[in-house]
Amino acid sequence: MVRGKTQMRRIENATSRQVTFSKRRNGLFKKAFELSVLCDAEVALIIFSPRGKLYEFSSSSMQETIERYQRHTKDVHTNNYKTTEHNMQHLKHEAANMAKKIELLEISKRKLLGEGLGSCSIEELQQIEQQLERSVSSIRARKNQVFKEQIEQLKEKEKALAAENAMLCEKCGVQPYQAPNQENETLPSAERSQNSDVSTDLFIGLPEGRAKRLLLGN
């Protein structure tokens, strides 16, 4: 007959619970004894029944095993405490070093901003000046690069808009707009000088007298 799987929950029936306790307690003691004999292990087992009755098993002496356990746990706690204390000291040291680095960075930042330069030597001032020059060069190079990138983007947008404009003009049957050619509209300087040669003779009198004078002159 195949036994069903036992559900891991409290047995409600008191009689069945007591019977199961007795059987499993004896089985547990048997396994502890076998472990101590087969593996030469020091085993101690303490069980309290639901009614508070004590059951125990020890391969040697229960008291000695308990004392050994207490010494072991004490050593473990001591080692853990020492490890924790060492870690705390290390963290404090790291925090102090970090605070010093932050203070030095703040001082360097103020000097770069032109503050607190009264205590600087010539060498320190030269180093600050060189650092600022390198920073300015890097900033200018980056600015020029950004300008070039923006110009390229604008050119691409211009090409796209021109293509879109040409496509719309083609759909509407309209001639695409072209910028006027300044060379064709601008007259040569010689023609401008010829057109600008006008008579500027000064004549005082009636218009008829001026006309007669011009005829006599011709």
N, C-alpha and C. Protein backbone atom coordinates (compact mmCIF):
# COMPACT_ATOMS: atom_id res chain seq x y z
N MET A 1 0.85 -1.19 0.00
CA MET A 1 0.00 0.00 0.00
C MET A 1 0.89 1.25 0.00
N VAL A 2 0.62 2.16 -0.91
CA VAL A 2 1.43 3.37 -1.04
C VAL A 2 0.90 4.43 -0.09
N ARG A 3 1.81 4.97 0.72
CA ARG A 3 1.42 6.02 1.66
C ARG A 3 1.34 7.36 0.95
N GLY A 4 0.35 8.16 1.33
CA GLY A 4 0.22 9.48 0.75
C GLY A 4 1.23 10.46 1.33
N LYS A 5 1.43 11.55 0.62
CA LYS A 5 2.38 12.57 1.06
C LYS A 5 1.80 13.33 2.25
N THR A 6 2.62 13.44 3.32
CA THR A 6 2.17 14.12 4.52
C THR A 6 2.22 15.63 4.33
N GLN A 7 1.14 16.29 4.66
CA GLN A 7 1.09 17.74 4.54
C GLN A 7 1.78 18.38 5.74
N MET A 8 2.64 19.38 5.46
CA MET A 8 3.40 20.04 6.52
C MET A 8 2.53 21.11 7.18
N ARG A 9 1.70 20.66 8.10
CA ARG A 9 0.88 21.56 8.90
C ARG A 9 0.56 20.89 10.22
N ARG A 10 0.10 21.67 11.17
CA ARG A 10 -0.17 21.16 12.51
C ARG A 10 -1.30 20.13 12.48
N ILE A 11 -1.04 19.01 13.19
CA ILE A 11 -2.06 17.96 13.30
C ILE A 11 -3.08 18.39 14.35
N GLU A 12 -4.32 18.48 13.94
CA GLU A 12 -5.36 18.98 14.85
C GLU A 12 -5.75 17.96 15.91
N ASN A 13 -5.77 16.69 15.56
CA ASN A 13 -6.16 15.65 16.52
C ASN A 13 -5.04 15.45 17.53
N ALA A 14 -5.34 15.58 18.83
CA ALA A 14 -4.32 15.50 19.87
C ALA A 14 -3.68 14.13 19.95
N THR A 15 -4.48 13.07 19.82
CA THR A 15 -3.94 11.70 19.91
C THR A 15 -3.00 11.43 18.74
N SER A 16 -3.44 11.79 17.54
CA SER A 16 -2.59 11.58 16.36
C SER A 16 -1.32 12.42 16.46
N ARG A 17 -1.45 13.61 17.01
CA ARG A 17 -0.28 14.48 17.15
C ARG A 17 0.73 13.88 18.11
N GLN A 18 0.27 13.28 19.22
CA GLN A 18 1.17 12.68 20.20
C GLN A 18 1.84 11.44 19.63
N VAL A 19 1.09 10.64 18.88
CA VAL A 19 1.67 9.44 18.27
C VAL A 19 2.74 9.82 17.26
N THR A 20 2.44 10.82 16.43
CA THR A 20 3.41 11.27 15.43
C THR A 20 4.66 11.83 16.10
N PHE A 21 4.48 12.56 17.21
CA PHE A 21 5.62 13.11 17.93
C PHE A 21 6.53 12.00 18.45
N SER A 22 5.95 10.98 19.04
CA SER A 22 6.75 9.88 19.59
C SER A 22 7.52 9.15 18.50
N LYS A 23 6.85 8.88 17.38
CA LYS A 23 7.52 8.16 16.30
C LYS A 23 8.67 8.98 15.71
N ARG A 24 8.40 10.21 15.43
CA ARG A 24 9.43 11.04 14.78
C ARG A 24 10.56 11.39 15.76
N ARG A 25 10.25 11.50 17.05
CA ARG A 25 11.30 11.74 18.04
C ARG A 25 12.25 10.56 18.09
N ASN A 26 11.70 9.37 18.14
CA ASN A 26 12.55 8.18 18.17
C ASN A 26 13.38 8.06 16.89
N GLY A 27 12.75 8.39 15.76
CA GLY A 27 13.49 8.34 14.50
C GLY A 27 14.61 9.37 14.46
N LEU A 28 14.34 10.56 15.02
CA LEU A 28 15.37 11.60 15.05
C LEU A 28 16.53 11.21 15.95
N PHE A 29 16.24 10.62 17.10
CA PHE A 29 17.30 10.15 17.99
C PHE A 29 18.13 9.06 17.32
N LYS A 30 17.45 8.18 16.59
CA LYS A 30 18.16 7.11 15.89
C LYS A 30 19.11 7.69 14.84
N LYS A 31 18.64 8.69 14.09
CA LYS A 31 19.48 9.31 13.06
C LYS A 31 20.66 10.03 13.70
N ALA A 32 20.44 10.68 14.85
CA ALA A 32 21.54 11.36 15.54
C ALA A 32 22.59 10.37 16.02
N PHE A 33 22.14 9.24 16.55
CA PHE A 33 23.07 8.21 17.01
C PHE A 33 23.88 7.66 15.84
N GLU A 34 23.20 7.37 14.72
CA GLU A 34 23.90 6.85 13.55
C GLU A 34 24.92 7.86 13.03
N LEU A 35 24.57 9.14 13.04
CA LEU A 35 25.49 10.17 12.57
C LEU A 35 26.73 10.24 13.44
N SER A 36 26.56 10.13 14.77
CA SER A 36 27.70 10.20 15.67
C SER A 36 28.61 8.99 15.53
N VAL A 37 28.03 7.82 15.27
CA VAL A 37 28.84 6.60 15.16
C VAL A 37 29.52 6.52 13.79
N LEU A 38 28.75 6.72 12.74
CA LEU A 38 29.30 6.55 11.40
C LEU A 38 30.31 7.63 11.04
N CYS A 39 30.08 8.85 11.48
CA CYS A 39 30.94 9.98 11.08
C CYS A 39 31.83 10.48 12.21
N ASP A 40 31.80 9.84 13.37
CA ASP A 40 32.60 10.26 14.52
C ASP A 40 32.37 11.74 14.83
N ALA A 41 31.09 12.12 14.82
CA ALA A 41 30.72 13.52 15.07
C ALA A 41 30.19 13.66 16.49
N GLU A 42 30.40 14.84 17.04
CA GLU A 42 29.85 15.15 18.36
C GLU A 42 28.45 15.72 18.16
N VAL A 43 27.46 14.99 18.60
CA VAL A 43 26.06 15.34 18.35
C VAL A 43 25.35 15.51 19.68
N ALA A 44 24.58 16.57 19.78
CA ALA A 44 23.73 16.80 20.95
C ALA A 44 22.37 17.22 20.44
N LEU A 45 21.33 16.64 21.00
CA LEU A 45 19.97 16.88 20.53
C LEU A 45 19.07 17.13 21.74
N ILE A 46 18.34 18.24 21.72
CA ILE A 46 17.43 18.61 22.80
C ILE A 46 16.05 18.82 22.21
N ILE A 47 15.05 18.17 22.80
CA ILE A 47 13.67 18.27 22.32
C ILE A 47 12.75 18.50 23.51
N PHE A 48 11.82 19.43 23.36
CA PHE A 48 10.76 19.64 24.34
C PHE A 48 9.44 19.25 23.68
N SER A 49 8.69 18.43 24.38
CA SER A 49 7.39 17.99 23.86
C SER A 49 6.39 19.14 23.97
N PRO A 50 5.22 18.99 23.32
CA PRO A 50 4.19 20.04 23.45
C PRO A 50 3.78 20.29 24.89
N ARG A 51 3.93 19.29 25.76
CA ARG A 51 3.57 19.45 27.17
C ARG A 51 4.74 19.95 28.01
N GLY A 52 5.91 20.19 27.38
CA GLY A 52 7.05 20.73 28.10
C GLY A 52 8.01 19.69 28.63
N LYS A 53 7.85 18.43 28.28
CA LYS A 53 8.75 17.39 28.76
C LYS A 53 10.04 17.40 27.95
N LEU A 54 11.18 17.23 28.63
CA LEU A 54 12.49 17.30 27.99
C LEU A 54 12.94 15.92 27.53
N TYR A 55 13.44 15.88 26.30
CA TYR A 55 14.07 14.67 25.74
C TYR A 55 15.41 15.13 25.17
N GLU A 56 16.46 14.38 25.47
CA GLU A 56 17.78 14.78 24.99
C GLU A 56 18.60 13.56 24.61
N PHE A 57 19.57 13.84 23.71
CA PHE A 57 20.53 12.82 23.30
C PHE A 57 21.87 13.50 23.10
N SER A 58 22.93 12.86 23.56
CA SER A 58 24.27 13.39 23.38
C SER A 58 25.22 12.23 23.14
N SER A 59 26.08 12.40 22.16
CA SER A 59 27.04 11.34 21.86
C SER A 59 28.16 11.28 22.89
N SER A 60 28.39 12.37 23.63
CA SER A 60 29.42 12.36 24.69
C SER A 60 28.81 12.89 25.97
N SER A 61 28.99 14.18 26.24
CA SER A 61 28.41 14.82 27.41
C SER A 61 27.62 16.04 26.95
N MET A 62 26.38 16.11 27.37
CA MET A 62 25.54 17.23 26.96
C MET A 62 26.11 18.56 27.45
N GLN A 63 26.60 18.59 28.70
CA GLN A 63 27.13 19.83 29.27
C GLN A 63 28.38 20.28 28.51
N GLU A 64 29.27 19.33 28.22
CA GLU A 64 30.49 19.69 27.49
C GLU A 64 30.16 20.17 26.07
N THR A 65 29.19 19.54 25.46
CA THR A 65 28.80 19.97 24.11
C THR A 65 28.21 21.38 24.13
N ILE A 66 27.39 21.66 25.15
CA ILE A 66 26.80 23.00 25.27
C ILE A 66 27.88 24.05 25.52
N GLU A 67 28.84 23.73 26.41
CA GLU A 67 29.93 24.67 26.68
C GLU A 67 30.77 24.91 25.42
N ARG A 68 31.01 23.84 24.69
CA ARG A 68 31.76 24.00 23.44
C ARG A 68 31.01 24.89 22.46
N TYR A 69 29.71 24.72 22.40
CA TYR A 69 28.88 25.55 21.52
C TYR A 69 28.94 27.02 21.95
N GLN A 70 28.88 27.26 23.26
CA GLN A 70 28.92 28.64 23.75
C GLN A 70 30.26 29.30 23.45
N ARG A 71 31.36 28.54 23.63
CA ARG A 71 32.68 29.10 23.31
C ARG A 71 32.77 29.42 21.82
N HIS A 72 32.24 28.55 21.01
CA HIS A 72 32.30 28.77 19.56
C HIS A 72 31.52 30.02 19.15
N THR A 73 30.31 30.14 19.67
CA THR A 73 29.50 31.31 19.32
C THR A 73 30.11 32.60 19.85
N LYS A 74 30.76 32.51 21.04
CA LYS A 74 31.42 33.69 21.59
C LYS A 74 32.58 34.12 20.70
N ASP A 75 33.36 33.15 20.24
CA ASP A 75 34.48 33.47 19.34
C ASP A 75 33.97 34.08 18.04
N VAL A 76 32.87 33.53 17.55
CA VAL A 76 32.32 34.06 16.30
C VAL A 76 31.86 35.50 16.49
N HIS A 77 31.18 35.77 17.61
CA HIS A 77 30.73 37.13 17.89
C HIS A 77 31.91 38.08 18.06
N THR A 78 32.97 37.58 18.73
CA THR A 78 34.15 38.42 18.92
C THR A 78 34.81 38.75 17.59
N ASN A 79 34.94 37.73 16.74
CA ASN A 79 35.55 37.96 15.43
C ASN A 79 34.70 38.92 14.59
N ASN A 80 33.39 38.75 14.68
CA ASN A 80 32.51 39.65 13.94
C ASN A 80 32.64 41.09 14.45
N TYR A 81 32.77 41.22 15.77
CA TYR A 81 32.93 42.56 16.34
C TYR A 81 34.24 43.19 15.89
N LYS A 82 35.32 42.38 15.90
CA LYS A 82 36.61 42.91 15.47
C LYS A 82 36.57 43.30 13.99
N THR A 83 35.92 42.47 13.19
CA THR A 83 35.80 42.79 11.77
C THR A 83 35.00 44.08 11.56
N THR A 84 33.91 44.20 12.31
CA THR A 84 33.10 45.41 12.20
C THR A 84 33.87 46.65 12.64
N GLU A 85 34.63 46.51 13.73
CA GLU A 85 35.42 47.64 14.21
C GLU A 85 36.49 48.04 13.19
N HIS A 86 37.12 47.03 12.60
CA HIS A 86 38.13 47.32 11.57
C HIS A 86 37.50 48.02 10.37
N ASN A 87 36.33 47.56 9.97
CA ASN A 87 35.65 48.21 8.85
C ASN A 87 35.27 49.65 9.17
N MET A 88 34.84 49.89 10.40
CA MET A 88 34.48 51.24 10.81
C MET A 88 35.69 52.17 10.77
N GLN A 89 36.83 51.68 11.26
CA GLN A 89 38.05 52.49 11.23
C GLN A 89 38.46 52.79 9.79
N HIS A 90 38.33 51.80 8.93
CA HIS A 90 38.68 52.00 7.53
C HIS A 90 37.76 53.04 6.88
N LEU A 91 36.47 52.96 7.19
CA LEU A 91 35.52 53.92 6.63
C LEU A 91 35.79 55.33 7.15
N LYS A 92 36.15 55.45 8.42
CA LYS A 92 36.47 56.77 8.97
C LYS A 92 37.70 57.35 8.28
N HIS A 93 38.70 56.50 8.05
CA HIS A 93 39.91 56.96 7.37
C HIS A 93 39.59 57.41 5.94
N GLU A 94 38.77 56.64 5.25
CA GLU A 94 38.38 57.01 3.90
C GLU A 94 37.59 58.32 3.88
N ALA A 95 36.71 58.49 4.87
CA ALA A 95 35.92 59.72 4.94
C ALA A 95 36.81 60.93 5.19
N ALA A 96 37.83 60.77 6.05
CA ALA A 96 38.75 61.88 6.31
C ALA A 96 39.54 62.25 5.06
N ASN A 97 40.02 61.24 4.34
CA ASN A 97 40.75 61.51 3.09
C ASN A 97 39.85 62.19 2.06
N MET A 98 38.60 61.75 1.98
CA MET A 98 37.68 62.36 1.04
C MET A 98 37.40 63.82 1.40
N ALA A 99 37.29 64.10 2.70
CA ALA A 99 37.06 65.48 3.13
C ALA A 99 38.24 66.37 2.76
N LYS A 100 39.46 65.85 2.91
CA LYS A 100 40.65 66.63 2.53
C LYS A 100 40.67 66.90 1.03
N LYS A 101 40.32 65.88 0.23
CA LYS A 101 40.30 66.07 -1.22
C LYS A 101 39.26 67.12 -1.62
N ILE A 102 38.10 67.07 -0.97
CA ILE A 102 37.05 68.05 -1.28
C ILE A 102 37.51 69.46 -0.93
N GLU A 103 38.20 69.59 0.21
CA GLU A 103 38.70 70.91 0.62
C GLU A 103 39.72 71.44 -0.38
N LEU A 104 40.63 70.57 -0.85
CA LEU A 104 41.61 70.99 -1.85
C LEU A 104 40.95 71.39 -3.16
N LEU A 105 39.92 70.65 -3.55
CA LEU A 105 39.20 71.00 -4.77
C LEU A 105 38.49 72.34 -4.64
N GLU A 106 37.93 72.62 -3.47
CA GLU A 106 37.28 73.90 -3.25
C GLU A 106 38.28 75.05 -3.33
N ILE A 107 39.46 74.84 -2.74
CA ILE A 107 40.50 75.88 -2.80
C ILE A 107 40.94 76.12 -4.24
N SER A 108 41.14 75.03 -4.99
CA SER A 108 41.53 75.16 -6.39
C SER A 108 40.45 75.85 -7.21
N LYS A 109 39.20 75.55 -6.91
CA LYS A 109 38.09 76.18 -7.63
C LYS A 109 38.06 77.68 -7.37
N ARG A 110 38.25 78.09 -6.11
CA ARG A 110 38.25 79.52 -5.79
C ARG A 110 39.40 80.24 -6.47
N LYS A 111 40.56 79.58 -6.56
CA LYS A 111 41.70 80.21 -7.23
C LYS A 111 41.44 80.38 -8.72
N LEU A 112 40.79 79.38 -9.33
CA LEU A 112 40.46 79.50 -10.75
C LEU A 112 39.46 80.62 -10.99
N LEU A 113 38.64 80.92 -9.99
CA LEU A 113 37.68 82.02 -10.10
C LEU A 113 38.29 83.36 -9.73
N GLY A 114 39.60 83.37 -9.41
CA GLY A 114 40.27 84.61 -9.07
C GLY A 114 40.14 85.00 -7.61
N GLU A 115 39.77 84.06 -6.75
CA GLU A 115 39.60 84.35 -5.33
C GLU A 115 40.72 83.67 -4.54
N GLY A 116 41.12 84.33 -3.46
CA GLY A 116 42.13 83.74 -2.58
C GLY A 116 43.49 83.61 -3.22
N LEU A 117 43.88 84.56 -4.06
CA LEU A 117 45.17 84.50 -4.74
C LEU A 117 46.28 85.20 -3.95
N GLY A 118 45.95 85.79 -2.81
CA GLY A 118 46.95 86.54 -2.06
C GLY A 118 48.08 85.68 -1.54
N SER A 119 47.81 84.43 -1.24
CA SER A 119 48.84 83.55 -0.68
C SER A 119 49.55 82.73 -1.75
N CYS A 120 49.25 82.97 -3.02
CA CYS A 120 49.86 82.17 -4.10
C CYS A 120 51.22 82.73 -4.47
N SER A 121 52.14 81.84 -4.77
CA SER A 121 53.46 82.24 -5.24
C SER A 121 53.43 82.45 -6.75
N ILE A 122 54.57 82.90 -7.29
CA ILE A 122 54.65 83.13 -8.74
C ILE A 122 54.44 81.82 -9.49
N GLU A 123 55.02 80.74 -8.99
CA GLU A 123 54.86 79.45 -9.67
C GLU A 123 53.40 79.01 -9.68
N GLU A 124 52.72 79.18 -8.55
CA GLU A 124 51.31 78.80 -8.50
C GLU A 124 50.46 79.66 -9.44
N LEU A 125 50.76 80.96 -9.48
CA LEU A 125 50.01 81.84 -10.38
C LEU A 125 50.25 81.46 -11.84
N GLN A 126 51.48 81.09 -12.17
CA GLN A 126 51.77 80.67 -13.54
C GLN A 126 51.03 79.37 -13.88
N GLN A 127 50.98 78.46 -12.93
CA GLN A 127 50.25 77.21 -13.16
C GLN A 127 48.76 77.48 -13.37
N ILE A 128 48.19 78.38 -12.56
CA ILE A 128 46.77 78.73 -12.72
C ILE A 128 46.53 79.37 -14.07
N GLU A 129 47.45 80.27 -14.47
CA GLU A 129 47.31 80.93 -15.77
C GLU A 129 47.36 79.93 -16.92
N GLN A 130 48.32 79.00 -16.86
CA GLN A 130 48.42 77.99 -17.90
C GLN A 130 47.18 77.10 -17.94
N GLN A 131 46.67 76.77 -16.78
CA GLN A 131 45.47 75.94 -16.74
C GLN A 131 44.27 76.67 -17.34
N LEU A 132 44.15 77.96 -17.04
CA LEU A 132 43.06 78.74 -17.61
C LEU A 132 43.21 78.86 -19.13
N GLU A 133 44.45 79.03 -19.61
CA GLU A 133 44.66 79.12 -21.05
C GLU A 133 44.27 77.81 -21.74
N ARG A 134 44.63 76.69 -21.12
CA ARG A 134 44.24 75.40 -21.70
C ARG A 134 42.72 75.24 -21.69
N SER A 135 42.10 75.70 -20.62
CA SER A 135 40.63 75.61 -20.56
C SER A 135 39.98 76.46 -21.63
N VAL A 136 40.50 77.69 -21.81
CA VAL A 136 39.93 78.58 -22.84
C VAL A 136 40.13 77.98 -24.23
N SER A 137 41.29 77.39 -24.47
CA SER A 137 41.54 76.77 -25.78
C SER A 137 40.56 75.62 -26.03
N SER A 138 40.34 74.82 -25.01
CA SER A 138 39.39 73.72 -25.17
C SER A 138 37.98 74.24 -25.41
N ILE A 139 37.61 75.30 -24.69
CA ILE A 139 36.27 75.87 -24.86
C ILE A 139 36.10 76.44 -26.26
N ARG A 140 37.12 77.14 -26.75
CA ARG A 140 37.03 77.72 -28.09
C ARG A 140 36.96 76.63 -29.16
N ALA A 141 37.76 75.58 -28.98
CA ALA A 141 37.71 74.49 -29.95
C ALA A 141 36.33 73.84 -29.97
N ARG A 142 35.77 73.64 -28.80
CA ARG A 142 34.43 73.05 -28.74
C ARG A 142 33.38 73.99 -29.34
N LYS A 143 33.53 75.30 -29.09
CA LYS A 143 32.59 76.27 -29.64
C LYS A 143 32.65 76.27 -31.16
N ASN A 144 33.87 76.24 -31.72
CA ASN A 144 34.00 76.20 -33.18
C ASN A 144 33.39 74.92 -33.75
N GLN A 145 33.58 73.84 -33.06
CA GLN A 145 33.01 72.58 -33.53
C GLN A 145 31.48 72.64 -33.53
N VAL A 146 30.92 73.24 -32.46
CA VAL A 146 29.46 73.37 -32.39
C VAL A 146 28.96 74.28 -33.51
N PHE A 147 29.69 75.37 -33.78
CA PHE A 147 29.30 76.27 -34.87
C PHE A 147 29.30 75.53 -36.21
N LYS A 148 30.34 74.75 -36.46
CA LYS A 148 30.41 74.00 -37.71
C LYS A 148 29.26 73.01 -37.83
N GLU A 149 28.97 72.34 -36.73
CA GLU A 149 27.87 71.38 -36.77
C GLU A 149 26.54 72.08 -37.04
N GLN A 150 26.33 73.25 -36.42
CA GLN A 150 25.09 73.99 -36.66
C GLN A 150 25.01 74.48 -38.10
N ILE A 151 26.15 74.92 -38.65
CA ILE A 151 26.16 75.38 -40.04
C ILE A 151 25.81 74.23 -40.98
N GLU A 152 26.38 73.06 -40.73
CA GLU A 152 26.07 71.90 -41.56
C GLU A 152 24.59 71.53 -41.46
N GLN A 153 24.06 71.63 -40.25
CA GLN A 153 22.64 71.33 -40.08
C GLN A 153 21.77 72.33 -40.84
N LEU A 154 22.15 73.61 -40.79
CA LEU A 154 21.39 74.63 -41.51
C LEU A 154 21.48 74.42 -43.02
N LYS A 155 22.65 74.00 -43.51
CA LYS A 155 22.78 73.72 -44.93
C LYS A 155 21.89 72.56 -45.35
N GLU A 156 21.86 71.53 -44.51
CA GLU A 156 20.99 70.40 -44.82
C GLU A 156 19.53 70.82 -44.83
N LYS A 157 19.14 71.67 -43.87
CA LYS A 157 17.76 72.16 -43.85
C LYS A 157 17.47 73.00 -45.08
N GLU A 158 18.46 73.82 -45.50
CA GLU A 158 18.27 74.65 -46.70
C GLU A 158 18.06 73.78 -47.93
N LYS A 159 18.86 72.72 -48.06
CA LYS A 159 18.70 71.82 -49.20
C LYS A 159 17.33 71.15 -49.18
N ALA A 160 16.92 70.73 -47.98
CA ALA A 160 15.62 70.07 -47.88
C ALA A 160 14.49 71.02 -48.23
N LEU A 161 14.58 72.28 -47.75
CA LEU A 161 13.54 73.26 -48.07
C LEU A 161 13.54 73.61 -49.55
N ALA A 162 14.73 73.71 -50.15
CA ALA A 162 14.80 74.00 -51.59
C ALA A 162 14.17 72.88 -52.40
N ALA A 163 14.46 71.64 -52.02
CA ALA A 163 13.87 70.51 -52.73
C ALA A 163 12.35 70.49 -52.56
N GLU A 164 11.89 70.79 -51.34
CA GLU A 164 10.45 70.82 -51.11
C GLU A 164 9.79 71.95 -51.89
N ASN A 165 10.47 73.11 -51.96
CA ASN A 165 9.94 74.24 -52.72
C ASN A 165 9.84 73.91 -54.21
N ALA A 166 10.88 73.27 -54.74
CA ALA A 166 10.86 72.90 -56.16
C ALA A 166 9.75 71.90 -56.44
N MET A 167 9.53 70.97 -55.53
CA MET A 167 8.47 69.98 -55.73
C MET A 167 7.10 70.64 -55.71
N LEU A 168 6.89 71.58 -54.78
CA LEU A 168 5.61 72.28 -54.71
C LEU A 168 5.38 73.14 -55.95
N CYS A 169 6.44 73.82 -56.42
CA CYS A 169 6.30 74.65 -57.62
C CYS A 169 5.98 73.80 -58.84
N GLU A 170 6.59 72.62 -58.90
CA GLU A 170 6.32 71.72 -60.02
C GLU A 170 4.87 71.25 -60.00
N LYS A 171 4.35 70.97 -58.80
CA LYS A 171 2.95 70.55 -58.70
C LYS A 171 2.01 71.68 -59.09
N CYS A 172 2.34 72.90 -58.69
CA CYS A 172 1.46 74.05 -58.96
C CYS A 172 1.71 74.67 -60.32
N GLY A 173 2.74 74.24 -61.04
CA GLY A 173 3.05 74.82 -62.34
C GLY A 173 3.62 76.21 -62.25
N VAL A 174 4.34 76.50 -61.20
CA VAL A 174 4.93 77.83 -60.99
C VAL A 174 6.43 77.70 -61.11
N GLN A 175 7.04 78.75 -61.71
CA GLN A 175 8.48 78.76 -61.85
C GLN A 175 9.12 78.94 -60.47
N PRO A 176 10.06 78.10 -60.10
CA PRO A 176 10.70 78.26 -58.79
C PRO A 176 11.38 79.61 -58.66
N TYR A 177 11.35 80.15 -57.48
CA TYR A 177 11.96 81.45 -57.22
C TYR A 177 13.47 81.33 -57.26
N GLN A 178 14.11 82.28 -57.95
CA GLN A 178 15.57 82.32 -58.01
C GLN A 178 16.02 83.69 -57.54
N ALA A 179 17.06 83.72 -56.80
CA ALA A 179 17.59 84.99 -56.30
C ALA A 179 18.14 85.80 -57.46
N PRO A 180 17.90 87.11 -57.48
CA PRO A 180 18.39 87.95 -58.59
C PRO A 180 19.91 87.96 -58.65
N ASN A 181 20.40 88.00 -59.91
CA ASN A 181 21.84 88.02 -60.13
C ASN A 181 22.31 89.46 -60.12
N GLN A 182 23.09 89.81 -59.17
CA GLN A 182 23.53 91.19 -59.02
C GLN A 182 24.44 91.62 -60.16
N GLU A 183 25.16 90.68 -60.78
CA GLU A 183 26.08 91.05 -61.85
C GLU A 183 25.32 91.52 -63.08
N ASN A 184 24.13 90.88 -63.36
CA ASN A 184 23.35 91.27 -64.53
C ASN A 184 22.64 92.59 -64.31
N GLU A 185 22.22 92.87 -63.08
CA GLU A 185 21.47 94.09 -62.82
C GLU A 185 22.37 95.30 -62.62
N THR A 186 23.61 95.08 -62.30
CA THR A 186 24.52 96.19 -62.04
C THR A 186 25.15 96.64 -63.35
N LEU A 187 25.06 97.90 -63.67
CA LEU A 187 25.64 98.43 -64.90
C LEU A 187 27.13 98.58 -64.74
N PRO A 188 27.86 98.46 -65.85
CA PRO A 188 29.31 98.69 -65.77
C PRO A 188 29.60 100.11 -65.35
N SER A 189 30.76 100.28 -64.78
CA SER A 189 31.13 101.61 -64.28
C SER A 189 31.28 102.60 -65.42
N ALA A 190 31.71 102.12 -66.62
CA ALA A 190 31.88 103.04 -67.76
C ALA A 190 30.54 103.59 -68.19
N GLU A 191 29.49 102.69 -68.24
CA GLU A 191 28.17 103.15 -68.65
C GLU A 191 27.61 104.11 -67.63
N ARG A 192 27.84 103.84 -66.35
CA ARG A 192 27.34 104.74 -65.33
C ARG A 192 28.00 106.10 -65.45
N SER A 193 29.30 106.11 -65.82
CA SER A 193 29.98 107.40 -65.94
C SER A 193 29.49 108.18 -67.14
N GLN A 194 29.17 107.42 -68.28
CA GLN A 194 28.65 108.10 -69.46
C GLN A 194 27.28 108.68 -69.20
N ASN A 195 26.42 107.91 -68.56
CA ASN A 195 25.07 108.39 -68.28
C ASN A 195 25.07 109.54 -67.30
N SER A 196 26.12 109.61 -66.51
CA SER A 196 26.15 110.67 -65.51
C SER A 196 26.74 111.96 -66.05
N ASP A 197 27.28 111.96 -67.34
CA ASP A 197 27.84 113.18 -67.92
C ASP A 197 26.71 114.06 -68.44
N VAL A 198 26.29 115.00 -67.71
CA VAL A 198 25.23 115.93 -68.09
C VAL A 198 25.77 117.34 -68.01
N SER A 199 25.11 118.24 -68.70
CA SER A 199 25.54 119.64 -68.73
C SER A 199 25.23 120.29 -67.40
N THR A 200 26.25 120.93 -66.88
CA THR A 200 26.09 121.60 -65.59
C THR A 200 26.48 123.06 -65.68
N ASP A 201 26.39 123.64 -66.94
CA ASP A 201 26.74 125.05 -67.08
C ASP A 201 25.73 125.91 -66.35
N LEU A 202 26.24 126.96 -65.71
CA LEU A 202 25.40 127.88 -64.96
C LEU A 202 24.98 129.02 -65.88
N PHE A 203 23.67 129.33 -65.94
CA PHE A 203 23.15 130.42 -66.77
C PHE A 203 22.12 131.17 -65.97
N ILE A 204 22.26 132.48 -65.99
CA ILE A 204 21.34 133.35 -65.27
C ILE A 204 20.58 134.16 -66.30
N GLY A 205 19.28 134.09 -66.29
CA GLY A 205 18.46 134.85 -67.23
C GLY A 205 17.25 134.07 -67.64
N LEU A 206 16.51 134.58 -68.66
CA LEU A 206 15.31 133.92 -69.12
C LEU A 206 15.66 132.67 -69.90
N PRO A 207 14.75 131.71 -69.97
CA PRO A 207 15.03 130.47 -70.72
C PRO A 207 15.31 130.74 -72.19
N GLU A 208 14.65 131.76 -72.82
CA GLU A 208 14.90 132.02 -74.24
C GLU A 208 16.35 132.43 -74.46
N GLY A 209 16.89 133.24 -73.58
CA GLY A 209 18.28 133.67 -73.71
C GLY A 209 19.23 132.51 -73.61
N ARG A 210 18.93 131.55 -72.73
CA ARG A 210 19.79 130.37 -72.57
C ARG A 210 19.76 129.54 -73.83
N ALA A 211 18.57 129.42 -74.48
CA ALA A 211 18.47 128.64 -75.72
C ALA A 211 19.28 129.28 -76.83
N LYS A 212 19.20 130.63 -76.97
CA LYS A 212 19.98 131.31 -77.99
C LYS A 212 21.47 131.12 -77.77
N ARG A 213 21.87 131.19 -76.53
CA ARG A 213 23.29 131.03 -76.23
C ARG A 213 23.78 129.65 -76.61
N LEU A 214 22.96 128.64 -76.38
CA LEU A 214 23.35 127.28 -76.74
C LEU A 214 23.47 127.14 -78.25
N LEU A 215 22.54 127.80 -79.02
CA LEU A 215 22.60 127.72 -80.47
C LEU A 215 23.86 128.41 -81.00
N LEU A 216 24.19 129.55 -80.43
CA LEU A 216 25.40 130.24 -80.85
C LEU A 216 26.65 129.45 -80.53
N GLY A 217 26.58 128.77 -79.41
CA GLY A 217 27.75 127.97 -79.03
C GLY A 217 27.94 126.80 -79.97
N ASN A 218 26.85 126.18 -80.45
CA ASN A 218 26.98 125.05 -81.38
C ASN A 218 27.42 125.52 -82.76
